[in-house]
Amino acid sequence: MGIDYSGGMIIGEIGSELPEPEGHDSLSEWAEENEMVTMALYYDAAEEDCYYGFAVKDVLVSEIDQKWIDDLKTMAGKFEKLSGVPAKLVGTQNIW
């Protein structure tokens, strides 16, 4: 058994700040159904300790343009509409 990791930016929120998803058995199921990603802060993390949201394209600061910002705003709005919670832009790891 090994531990793998990756990282990146996500626009969303940590599970402990999200309401129980209606019509779903888990946050992971809800996220998957809505084409979101999940990022675990540590190996075998509980759902409330994972971030849920939309993956943000990694770009150099010098390459951030209006389209990147508009895409970010669109994803943030979609996340808030689906969850009822304002989205945060977070850089984090994903450990599994």
PDB file of N, CA and C in Angstrom:
ATOM      1  N   MET A   1       0.847  -1.168   0.000  1.00  0.00           N
ATOM      2  CA  MET A   1       0.000   0.000   0.000  1.00  0.00           C
ATOM      3  C   MET A   1       0.894   1.232   0.000  1.00  0.00           C
ATOM      4  N   GLY A   2       0.579   2.190  -0.853  1.00  0.00           N
ATOM      5  CA  GLY A   2       1.325   3.428  -0.908  1.00  0.00           C
ATOM      6  C   GLY A   2       0.387   4.609  -0.772  1.00  0.00           C
ATOM      7  N   ILE A   3       0.970   5.730  -0.541  1.00  0.00           N
ATOM      8  CA  ILE A   3       0.206   6.966  -0.466  1.00  0.00           C
ATOM      9  C   ILE A   3       0.604   7.801  -1.666  1.00  0.00           C
ATOM     10  N   ASP A   4      -0.385   8.269  -2.391  1.00  0.00           N
ATOM     11  CA  ASP A   4      -0.153   9.125  -3.545  1.00  0.00           C
ATOM     12  C   ASP A   4      -0.676  10.515  -3.231  1.00  0.00           C
ATOM     13  N   TYR A   5      -0.151  11.479  -3.950  1.00  0.00           N
ATOM     14  CA  TYR A   5      -0.614  12.843  -3.739  1.00  0.00           C
ATOM     15  C   TYR A   5      -0.519  13.645  -5.027  1.00  0.00           C
ATOM     16  N   SER A   6      -1.311  14.665  -5.077  1.00  0.00           N
ATOM     17  CA  SER A   6      -1.281  15.649  -6.146  1.00  0.00           C
ATOM     18  C   SER A   6      -1.720  16.957  -5.502  1.00  0.00           C
ATOM     19  N   GLY A   7      -1.878  17.955  -6.267  1.00  0.00           N
ATOM     20  CA  GLY A   7      -2.315  19.226  -5.701  1.00  0.00           C
ATOM     21  C   GLY A   7      -2.803  20.143  -6.781  1.00  0.00           C
ATOM     22  N   GLY A   8      -3.314  21.247  -6.367  1.00  0.00           N
ATOM     23  CA  GLY A   8      -3.807  22.221  -7.319  1.00  0.00           C
ATOM     24  C   GLY A   8      -4.741  23.201  -6.644  1.00  0.00           C
ATOM     25  N   MET A   9      -5.459  23.911  -7.459  1.00  0.00           N
ATOM     26  CA  MET A   9      -6.408  24.890  -6.944  1.00  0.00           C
ATOM     27  C   MET A   9      -7.824  24.399  -7.190  1.00  0.00           C
ATOM     28  N   ILE A  10      -8.674  24.735  -6.249  1.00  0.00           N
ATOM     29  CA  ILE A  10     -10.076  24.328  -6.317  1.00  0.00           C
ATOM     30  C   ILE A  10     -10.922  25.525  -5.897  1.00  0.00           C
ATOM     31  N   ILE A  11     -12.050  25.708  -6.570  1.00  0.00           N
ATOM     32  CA  ILE A  11     -13.008  26.732  -6.168  1.00  0.00           C
ATOM     33  C   ILE A  11     -14.187  25.995  -5.567  1.00  0.00           C
ATOM     34  N   GLY A  12     -14.334  26.111  -4.257  1.00  0.00           N
ATOM     35  CA  GLY A  12     -15.366  25.367  -3.539  1.00  0.00           C
ATOM     36  C   GLY A  12     -15.257  25.613  -2.053  1.00  0.00           C
ATOM     37  N   GLU A  13     -15.455  24.566  -1.270  1.00  0.00           N
ATOM     38  CA  GLU A  13     -15.430  24.702   0.186  1.00  0.00           C
ATOM     39  C   GLU A  13     -15.121  23.372   0.832  1.00  0.00           C
ATOM     40  N   ILE A  14     -14.657  23.433   2.065  1.00  0.00           N
ATOM     41  CA  ILE A  14     -14.374  22.230   2.830  1.00  0.00           C
ATOM     42  C   ILE A  14     -15.699  21.599   3.285  1.00  0.00           C
ATOM     43  N   GLY A  15     -15.721  20.291   3.351  1.00  0.00           N
ATOM     44  CA  GLY A  15     -16.940  19.555   3.659  1.00  0.00           C
ATOM     45  C   GLY A  15     -17.617  19.954   4.948  1.00  0.00           C
ATOM     46  N   SER A  16     -16.850  20.329   5.968  1.00  0.00           N
ATOM     47  CA  SER A  16     -17.449  20.702   7.256  1.00  0.00           C
ATOM     48  C   SER A  16     -18.295  21.969   7.163  1.00  0.00           C
ATOM     49  N   GLU A  17     -18.128  22.737   6.103  1.00  0.00           N
ATOM     50  CA  GLU A  17     -18.902  23.969   5.903  1.00  0.00           C
ATOM     51  C   GLU A  17     -20.097  23.771   4.983  1.00  0.00           C
ATOM     52  N   LEU A  18     -20.256  22.570   4.452  1.00  0.00           N
ATOM     53  CA  LEU A  18     -21.336  22.293   3.499  1.00  0.00           C
ATOM     54  C   LEU A  18     -22.510  21.610   4.183  1.00  0.00           C
ATOM     55  N   PRO A  19     -23.720  21.919   3.742  1.00  0.00           N
ATOM     56  CA  PRO A  19     -24.884  21.215   4.282  1.00  0.00           C
ATOM     57  C   PRO A  19     -24.942  19.784   3.752  1.00  0.00           C
ATOM     58  N   GLU A  20     -25.687  18.937   4.438  1.00  0.00           N
ATOM     59  CA  GLU A  20     -25.915  17.578   3.943  1.00  0.00           C
ATOM     60  C   GLU A  20     -26.589  17.676   2.580  1.00  0.00           C
ATOM     61  N   PRO A  21     -26.064  16.997   1.581  1.00  0.00           N
ATOM     62  CA  PRO A  21     -26.648  17.102   0.233  1.00  0.00           C
ATOM     63  C   PRO A  21     -27.985  16.351   0.150  1.00  0.00           C
ATOM     64  N   GLU A  22     -29.008  17.054  -0.284  1.00  0.00           N
ATOM     65  CA  GLU A  22     -30.331  16.433  -0.419  1.00  0.00           C
ATOM     66  C   GLU A  22     -30.314  15.414  -1.550  1.00  0.00           C
ATOM     67  N   GLY A  23     -30.883  14.248  -1.290  1.00  0.00           N
ATOM     68  CA  GLY A  23     -31.004  13.221  -2.307  1.00  0.00           C
ATOM     69  C   GLY A  23     -29.729  12.444  -2.579  1.00  0.00           C
ATOM     70  N   HIS A  24     -28.721  12.616  -1.722  1.00  0.00           N
ATOM     71  CA  HIS A  24     -27.446  11.914  -1.891  1.00  0.00           C
ATOM     72  C   HIS A  24     -27.023  11.307  -0.560  1.00  0.00           C
ATOM     73  N   ASP A  25     -26.326  10.191  -0.647  1.00  0.00           N
ATOM     74  CA  ASP A  25     -25.866   9.511   0.562  1.00  0.00           C
ATOM     75  C   ASP A  25     -24.596  10.125   1.142  1.00  0.00           C
ATOM     76  N   SER A  26     -23.870  10.888   0.330  1.00  0.00           N
ATOM     77  CA  SER A  26     -22.596  11.430   0.798  1.00  0.00           C
ATOM     78  C   SER A  26     -22.221  12.668   0.003  1.00  0.00           C
ATOM     79  N   LEU A  27     -21.295  13.443   0.553  1.00  0.00           N
ATOM     80  CA  LEU A  27     -20.764  14.596  -0.171  1.00  0.00           C
ATOM     81  C   LEU A  27     -20.024  14.148  -1.429  1.00  0.00           C
ATOM     82  N   SER A  28     -19.318  13.032  -1.328  1.00  0.00           N
ATOM     83  CA  SER A  28     -18.580  12.522  -2.487  1.00  0.00           C
ATOM     84  C   SER A  28     -19.517  12.185  -3.635  1.00  0.00           C
ATOM     85  N   GLU A  29     -20.635  11.558  -3.322  1.00  0.00           N
ATOM     86  CA  GLU A  29     -21.622  11.214  -4.352  1.00  0.00           C
ATOM     87  C   GLU A  29     -22.189  12.481  -4.983  1.00  0.00           C
ATOM     88  N   TRP A  30     -22.515  13.469  -4.150  1.00  0.00           N
ATOM     89  CA  TRP A  30     -23.041  14.745  -4.625  1.00  0.00           C
ATOM     90  C   TRP A  30     -22.031  15.430  -5.544  1.00  0.00           C
ATOM     91  N   ALA A  31     -20.767  15.467  -5.123  1.00  0.00           N
ATOM     92  CA  ALA A  31     -19.728  16.111  -5.914  1.00  0.00           C
ATOM     93  C   ALA A  31     -19.549  15.409  -7.267  1.00  0.00           C
ATOM     94  N   GLU A  32     -19.497  14.092  -7.227  1.00  0.00           N
ATOM     95  CA  GLU A  32     -19.315  13.331  -8.465  1.00  0.00           C
ATOM     96  C   GLU A  32     -20.471  13.569  -9.425  1.00  0.00           C
ATOM     97  N   GLU A  33     -21.690  13.566  -8.912  1.00  0.00           N
ATOM     98  CA  GLU A  33     -22.862  13.785  -9.764  1.00  0.00           C
ATOM     99  C   GLU A  33     -22.836  15.167 -10.412  1.00  0.00           C
ATOM    100  N   ASN A  34     -22.231  16.136  -9.723  1.00  0.00           N
ATOM    101  CA  ASN A  34     -22.173  17.502 -10.243  1.00  0.00           C
ATOM    102  C   ASN A  34     -20.836  17.840 -10.900  1.00  0.00           C
ATOM    103  N   GLU A  35     -20.079  16.792 -11.250  1.00  0.00           N
ATOM    104  CA  GLU A  35     -18.813  16.914 -11.976  1.00  0.00           C
ATOM    105  C   GLU A  35     -17.796  17.791 -11.251  1.00  0.00           C
ATOM    106  N   MET A  36     -17.768  17.635  -9.926  1.00  0.00           N
ATOM    107  CA  MET A  36     -16.793  18.338  -9.098  1.00  0.00           C
ATOM    108  C   MET A  36     -15.651  17.398  -8.762  1.00  0.00           C
ATOM    109  N   VAL A  37     -14.586  17.991  -8.243  1.00  0.00           N
ATOM    110  CA  VAL A  37     -13.456  17.217  -7.749  1.00  0.00           C
ATOM    111  C   VAL A  37     -13.472  17.249  -6.226  1.00  0.00           C
ATOM    112  N   THR A  38     -12.784  16.272  -5.651  1.00  0.00           N
ATOM    113  CA  THR A  38     -12.619  16.197  -4.207  1.00  0.00           C
ATOM    114  C   THR A  38     -11.128  16.179  -3.918  1.00  0.00           C
ATOM    115  N   MET A  39     -10.702  16.957  -2.940  1.00  0.00           N
ATOM    116  CA  MET A  39      -9.299  16.962  -2.538  1.00  0.00           C
ATOM    117  C   MET A  39      -9.216  16.681  -1.038  1.00  0.00           C
ATOM    118  N   ALA A  40      -8.519  15.595  -0.707  1.00  0.00           N
ATOM    119  CA  ALA A  40      -8.353  15.177   0.690  1.00  0.00           C
ATOM    120  C   ALA A  40      -7.100  15.817   1.263  1.00  0.00           C
ATOM    121  N   LEU A  41      -7.224  16.400   2.441  1.00  0.00           N
ATOM    122  CA  LEU A  41      -6.093  17.070   3.075  1.00  0.00           C
ATOM    123  C   LEU A  41      -5.080  16.101   3.664  1.00  0.00           C
ATOM    124  N   TYR A  42      -5.515  14.879   3.924  1.00  0.00           N
ATOM    125  CA  TYR A  42      -4.616  13.857   4.465  1.00  0.00           C
ATOM    126  C   TYR A  42      -5.144  12.494   4.067  1.00  0.00           C
ATOM    127  N   TYR A  43      -4.304  11.473   4.208  1.00  0.00           N
ATOM    128  CA  TYR A  43      -4.666  10.114   3.811  1.00  0.00           C
ATOM    129  C   TYR A  43      -5.890   9.642   4.593  1.00  0.00           C
ATOM    130  N   ASP A  44      -6.847   9.063   3.894  1.00  0.00           N
ATOM    131  CA  ASP A  44      -8.061   8.510   4.478  1.00  0.00           C
ATOM    132  C   ASP A  44      -8.882   9.572   5.218  1.00  0.00           C
ATOM    133  N   ALA A  45      -8.907  10.775   4.684  1.00  0.00           N
ATOM    134  CA  ALA A  45      -9.624  11.884   5.313  1.00  0.00           C
ATOM    135  C   ALA A  45     -11.127  11.641   5.323  1.00  0.00           C
ATOM    136  N   ALA A  46     -11.756  12.073   6.393  1.00  0.00           N
ATOM    137  CA  ALA A  46     -13.221  12.035   6.503  1.00  0.00           C
ATOM    138  C   ALA A  46     -13.800  13.051   5.518  1.00  0.00           C
ATOM    139  N   GLU A  47     -15.037  12.836   5.104  1.00  0.00           N
ATOM    140  CA  GLU A  47     -15.661  13.733   4.130  1.00  0.00           C
ATOM    141  C   GLU A  47     -15.656  15.188   4.583  1.00  0.00           C
ATOM    142  N   GLU A  48     -15.839  15.432   5.869  1.00  0.00           N
ATOM    143  CA  GLU A  48     -15.883  16.813   6.343  1.00  0.00           C
ATOM    144  C   GLU A  48     -14.506  17.499   6.283  1.00  0.00           C
ATOM    145  N   ASP A  49     -13.439  16.717   6.097  1.00  0.00           N
ATOM    146  CA  ASP A  49     -12.089  17.261   6.016  1.00  0.00           C
ATOM    147  C   ASP A  49     -11.563  17.344   4.584  1.00  0.00           C
ATOM    148  N   CYS A  50     -12.423  17.136   3.613  1.00  0.00           N
ATOM    149  CA  CYS A  50     -12.051  17.218   2.202  1.00  0.00           C
ATOM    150  C   CYS A  50     -12.653  18.480   1.589  1.00  0.00           C
ATOM    151  N   TYR A  51     -11.986  19.007   0.569  1.00  0.00           N
ATOM    152  CA  TYR A  51     -12.538  20.119  -0.201  1.00  0.00           C
ATOM    153  C   TYR A  51     -13.317  19.563  -1.383  1.00  0.00           C
ATOM    154  N   TYR A  52     -14.422  20.226  -1.699  1.00  0.00           N
ATOM    155  CA  TYR A  52     -15.276  19.863  -2.822  1.00  0.00           C
ATOM    156  C   TYR A  52     -15.459  21.100  -3.688  1.00  0.00           C
ATOM    157  N   GLY A  53     -15.372  20.925  -4.987  1.00  0.00           N
ATOM    158  CA  GLY A  53     -15.572  22.055  -5.874  1.00  0.00           C
ATOM    159  C   GLY A  53     -15.073  21.754  -7.271  1.00  0.00           C
ATOM    160  N   PHE A  54     -14.752  22.798  -7.983  1.00  0.00           N
ATOM    161  CA  PHE A  54     -14.324  22.683  -9.371  1.00  0.00           C
ATOM    162  C   PHE A  54     -12.829  22.972  -9.472  1.00  0.00           C
ATOM    163  N   ALA A  55     -12.143  22.141 -10.228  1.00  0.00           N
ATOM    164  CA  ALA A  55     -10.702  22.324 -10.417  1.00  0.00           C
ATOM    165  C   ALA A  55     -10.462  23.597 -11.223  1.00  0.00           C
ATOM    166  N   VAL A  56      -9.473  24.346 -10.780  1.00  0.00           N
ATOM    167  CA  VAL A  56      -9.097  25.589 -11.442  1.00  0.00           C
ATOM    168  C   VAL A  56      -7.814  25.347 -12.229  1.00  0.00           C
ATOM    169  N   LYS A  57      -7.800  25.797 -13.454  1.00  0.00           N
ATOM    170  CA  LYS A  57      -6.629  25.626 -14.314  1.00  0.00           C
ATOM    171  C   LYS A  57      -5.440  26.374 -13.713  1.00  0.00           C
ATOM    172  N   ASP A  58      -4.335  25.664 -13.550  1.00  0.00           N
ATOM    173  CA  ASP A  58      -3.097  26.281 -13.071  1.00  0.00           C
ATOM    174  C   ASP A  58      -2.477  27.100 -14.192  1.00  0.00           C
ATOM    175  N   VAL A  59      -2.221  28.350 -13.907  1.00  0.00           N
ATOM    176  CA  VAL A  59      -1.548  29.215 -14.863  1.00  0.00           C
ATOM    177  C   VAL A  59      -0.531  30.066 -14.114  1.00  0.00           C
ATOM    178  N   LEU A  60       0.471  30.524 -14.832  1.00  0.00           N
ATOM    179  CA  LEU A  60       1.407  31.482 -14.253  1.00  0.00           C
ATOM    180  C   LEU A  60       0.673  32.789 -13.994  1.00  0.00           C
ATOM    181  N   VAL A  61       1.060  33.486 -12.954  1.00  0.00           N
ATOM    182  CA  VAL A  61       0.418  34.757 -12.641  1.00  0.00           C
ATOM    183  C   VAL A  61       0.455  35.687 -13.843  1.00  0.00           C
ATOM    184  N   SER A  62       1.552  35.679 -14.564  1.00  0.00           N
ATOM    185  CA  SER A  62       1.683  36.548 -15.737  1.00  0.00           C
ATOM    186  C   SER A  62       0.730  36.163 -16.865  1.00  0.00           C
ATOM    187  N   GLU A  63       0.141  34.965 -16.783  1.00  0.00           N
ATOM    188  CA  GLU A  63      -0.775  34.504 -17.832  1.00  0.00           C
ATOM    189  C   GLU A  63      -2.248  34.602 -17.446  1.00  0.00           C
ATOM    190  N   ILE A  64      -2.523  35.092 -16.243  1.00  0.00           N
ATOM    191  CA  ILE A  64      -3.922  35.274 -15.841  1.00  0.00           C
ATOM    192  C   ILE A  64      -4.526  36.361 -16.715  1.00  0.00           C
ATOM    193  N   ASP A  65      -5.626  36.012 -17.353  1.00  0.00           N
ATOM    194  CA  ASP A  65      -6.297  36.967 -18.229  1.00  0.00           C
ATOM    195  C   ASP A  65      -7.776  37.047 -17.849  1.00  0.00           C
ATOM    196  N   GLN A  66      -8.501  37.869 -18.547  1.00  0.00           N
ATOM    197  CA  GLN A  66      -9.914  38.071 -18.221  1.00  0.00           C
ATOM    198  C   GLN A  66     -10.728  36.792 -18.393  1.00  0.00           C
ATOM    199  N   LYS A  67     -10.396  35.964 -19.377  1.00  0.00           N
ATOM    200  CA  LYS A  67     -11.121  34.702 -19.560  1.00  0.00           C
ATOM    201  C   LYS A  67     -10.939  33.801 -18.341  1.00  0.00           C
ATOM    202  N   TRP A  68      -9.716  33.707 -17.810  1.00  0.00           N
ATOM    203  CA  TRP A  68      -9.455  32.886 -16.618  1.00  0.00           C
ATOM    204  C   TRP A  68     -10.282  33.407 -15.445  1.00  0.00           C
ATOM    205  N   ILE A  69     -10.318  34.720 -15.265  1.00  0.00           N
ATOM    206  CA  ILE A  69     -11.093  35.330 -14.173  1.00  0.00           C
ATOM    207  C   ILE A  69     -12.586  35.075 -14.375  1.00  0.00           C
ATOM    208  N   ASP A  70     -13.072  35.236 -15.595  1.00  0.00           N
ATOM    209  CA  ASP A  70     -14.491  34.994 -15.880  1.00  0.00           C
ATOM    210  C   ASP A  70     -14.859  33.534 -15.633  1.00  0.00           C
ATOM    211  N   ASP A  71     -13.983  32.605 -16.034  1.00  0.00           N
ATOM    212  CA  ASP A  71     -14.227  31.185 -15.779  1.00  0.00           C
ATOM    213  C   ASP A  71     -14.300  30.908 -14.281  1.00  0.00           C
ATOM    214  N   LEU A  72     -13.419  31.531 -13.525  1.00  0.00           N
ATOM    215  CA  LEU A  72     -13.407  31.375 -12.071  1.00  0.00           C
ATOM    216  C   LEU A  72     -14.717  31.867 -11.461  1.00  0.00           C
ATOM    217  N   LYS A  73     -15.182  33.022 -11.903  1.00  0.00           N
ATOM    218  CA  LYS A  73     -16.442  33.576 -11.406  1.00  0.00           C
ATOM    219  C   LYS A  73     -17.621  32.674 -11.757  1.00  0.00           C
ATOM    220  N   THR A  74     -17.595  32.108 -12.954  1.00  0.00           N
ATOM    221  CA  THR A  74     -18.660  31.198 -13.377  1.00  0.00           C
ATOM    222  C   THR A  74     -18.692  29.956 -12.488  1.00  0.00           C
ATOM    223  N   MET A  75     -17.510  29.370 -12.245  1.00  0.00           N
ATOM    224  CA  MET A  75     -17.433  28.184 -11.382  1.00  0.00           C
ATOM    225  C   MET A  75     -17.877  28.507  -9.959  1.00  0.00           C
ATOM    226  N   ALA A  76     -17.496  29.676  -9.453  1.00  0.00           N
ATOM    227  CA  ALA A  76     -17.894  30.079  -8.099  1.00  0.00           C
ATOM    228  C   ALA A  76     -19.405  30.217  -8.010  1.00  0.00           C
ATOM    229  N   GLY A  77     -20.007  30.813  -9.016  1.00  0.00           N
ATOM    230  CA  GLY A  77     -21.467  30.960  -9.035  1.00  0.00           C
ATOM    231  C   GLY A  77     -22.174  29.619  -9.109  1.00  0.00           C
ATOM    232  N   LYS A  78     -21.638  28.727  -9.925  1.00  0.00           N
ATOM    233  CA  LYS A  78     -22.234  27.388 -10.053  1.00  0.00           C
ATOM    234  C   LYS A  78     -22.130  26.636  -8.732  1.00  0.00           C
ATOM    235  N   PHE A  79     -20.973  26.737  -8.072  1.00  0.00           N
ATOM    236  CA  PHE A  79     -20.804  26.059  -6.789  1.00  0.00           C
ATOM    237  C   PHE A  79     -21.802  26.586  -5.758  1.00  0.00           C
ATOM    238  N   GLU A  80     -21.946  27.901  -5.675  1.00  0.00           N
ATOM    239  CA  GLU A  80     -22.875  28.477  -4.697  1.00  0.00           C
ATOM    240  C   GLU A  80     -24.318  28.087  -5.010  1.00  0.00           C
ATOM    241  N   LYS A  81     -24.660  28.040  -6.282  1.00  0.00           N
ATOM    242  CA  LYS A  81     -26.019  27.631  -6.666  1.00  0.00           C
ATOM    243  C   LYS A  81     -26.284  26.185  -6.245  1.00  0.00           C
ATOM    244  N   LEU A  82     -25.302  25.304  -6.435  1.00  0.00           N
ATOM    245  CA  LEU A  82     -25.468  23.886  -6.092  1.00  0.00           C
ATOM    246  C   LEU A  82     -25.443  23.625  -4.590  1.00  0.00           C
ATOM    247  N   SER A  83     -24.624  24.388  -3.858  1.00  0.00           N
ATOM    248  CA  SER A  83     -24.413  24.090  -2.440  1.00  0.00           C
ATOM    249  C   SER A  83     -25.110  25.046  -1.488  1.00  0.00           C
ATOM    250  N   GLY A  84     -25.391  26.251  -1.957  1.00  0.00           N
ATOM    251  CA  GLY A  84     -25.932  27.272  -1.070  1.00  0.00           C
ATOM    252  C   GLY A  84     -24.860  27.950  -0.236  1.00  0.00           C
ATOM    253  N   VAL A  85     -23.594  27.659  -0.519  1.00  0.00           N
ATOM    254  CA  VAL A  85     -22.469  28.186   0.249  1.00  0.00           C
ATOM    255  C   VAL A  85     -21.542  28.934  -0.715  1.00  0.00           C
ATOM    256  N   PRO A  86     -21.091  30.147  -0.335  1.00  0.00           N
ATOM    257  CA  PRO A  86     -20.139  30.848  -1.196  1.00  0.00           C
ATOM    258  C   PRO A  86     -18.845  30.049  -1.363  1.00  0.00           C
ATOM    259  N   ALA A  87     -18.286  30.091  -2.562  1.00  0.00           N
ATOM    260  CA  ALA A  87     -17.064  29.352  -2.867  1.00  0.00           C
ATOM    261  C   ALA A  87     -15.834  30.151  -2.456  1.00  0.00           C
ATOM    262  N   LYS A  88     -14.781  29.404  -2.104  1.00  0.00           N
ATOM    263  CA  LYS A  88     -13.480  29.984  -1.821  1.00  0.00           C
ATOM    264  C   LYS A  88     -12.487  29.397  -2.827  1.00  0.00           C
ATOM    265  N   LEU A  89     -11.495  30.186  -3.187  1.00  0.00           N
ATOM    266  CA  LEU A  89     -10.417  29.704  -4.036  1.00  0.00           C
ATOM    267  C   LEU A  89      -9.314  29.204  -3.108  1.00  0.00           C
ATOM    268  N   VAL A  90      -9.000  27.913  -3.214  1.00  0.00           N
ATOM    269  CA  VAL A  90      -8.060  27.283  -2.294  1.00  0.00           C
ATOM    270  C   VAL A  90      -7.011  26.510  -3.083  1.00  0.00           C
ATOM    271  N   GLY A  91      -5.773  26.658  -2.695  1.00  0.00           N
ATOM    272  CA  GLY A  91      -4.706  25.810  -3.201  1.00  0.00           C
ATOM    273  C   GLY A  91      -4.440  24.740  -2.155  1.00  0.00           C
ATOM    274  N   THR A  92      -4.502  23.486  -2.538  1.00  0.00           N
ATOM    275  CA  THR A  92      -4.366  22.416  -1.552  1.00  0.00           C
ATOM    276  C   THR A  92      -3.802  21.159  -2.200  1.00  0.00           C
ATOM    277  N   GLN A  93      -3.500  20.213  -1.371  1.00  0.00           N
ATOM    278  CA  GLN A  93      -3.050  18.907  -1.853  1.00  0.00           C
ATOM    279  C   GLN A  93      -4.229  17.936  -1.851  1.00  0.00           C
ATOM    280  N   ASN A  94      -4.031  16.850  -2.561  1.00  0.00           N
ATOM    281  CA  ASN A  94      -4.988  15.746  -2.551  1.00  0.00           C
ATOM    282  C   ASN A  94      -4.179  14.498  -2.237  1.00  0.00           C
ATOM    283  N   ILE A  95      -4.462  13.877  -1.121  1.00  0.00           N
ATOM    284  CA  ILE A  95      -3.702  12.716  -0.669  1.00  0.00           C
ATOM    285  C   ILE A  95      -4.645  11.520  -0.608  1.00  0.00           C
ATOM    286  N   TRP A  96      -4.239  10.426  -1.280  1.00  0.00           N
ATOM    287  CA  TRP A  96      -5.072   9.219  -1.258  1.00  0.00           C
ATOM    288  C   TRP A  96      -4.208   7.992  -1.183  1.00  0.00           C
TER     289      TRP A  96
END
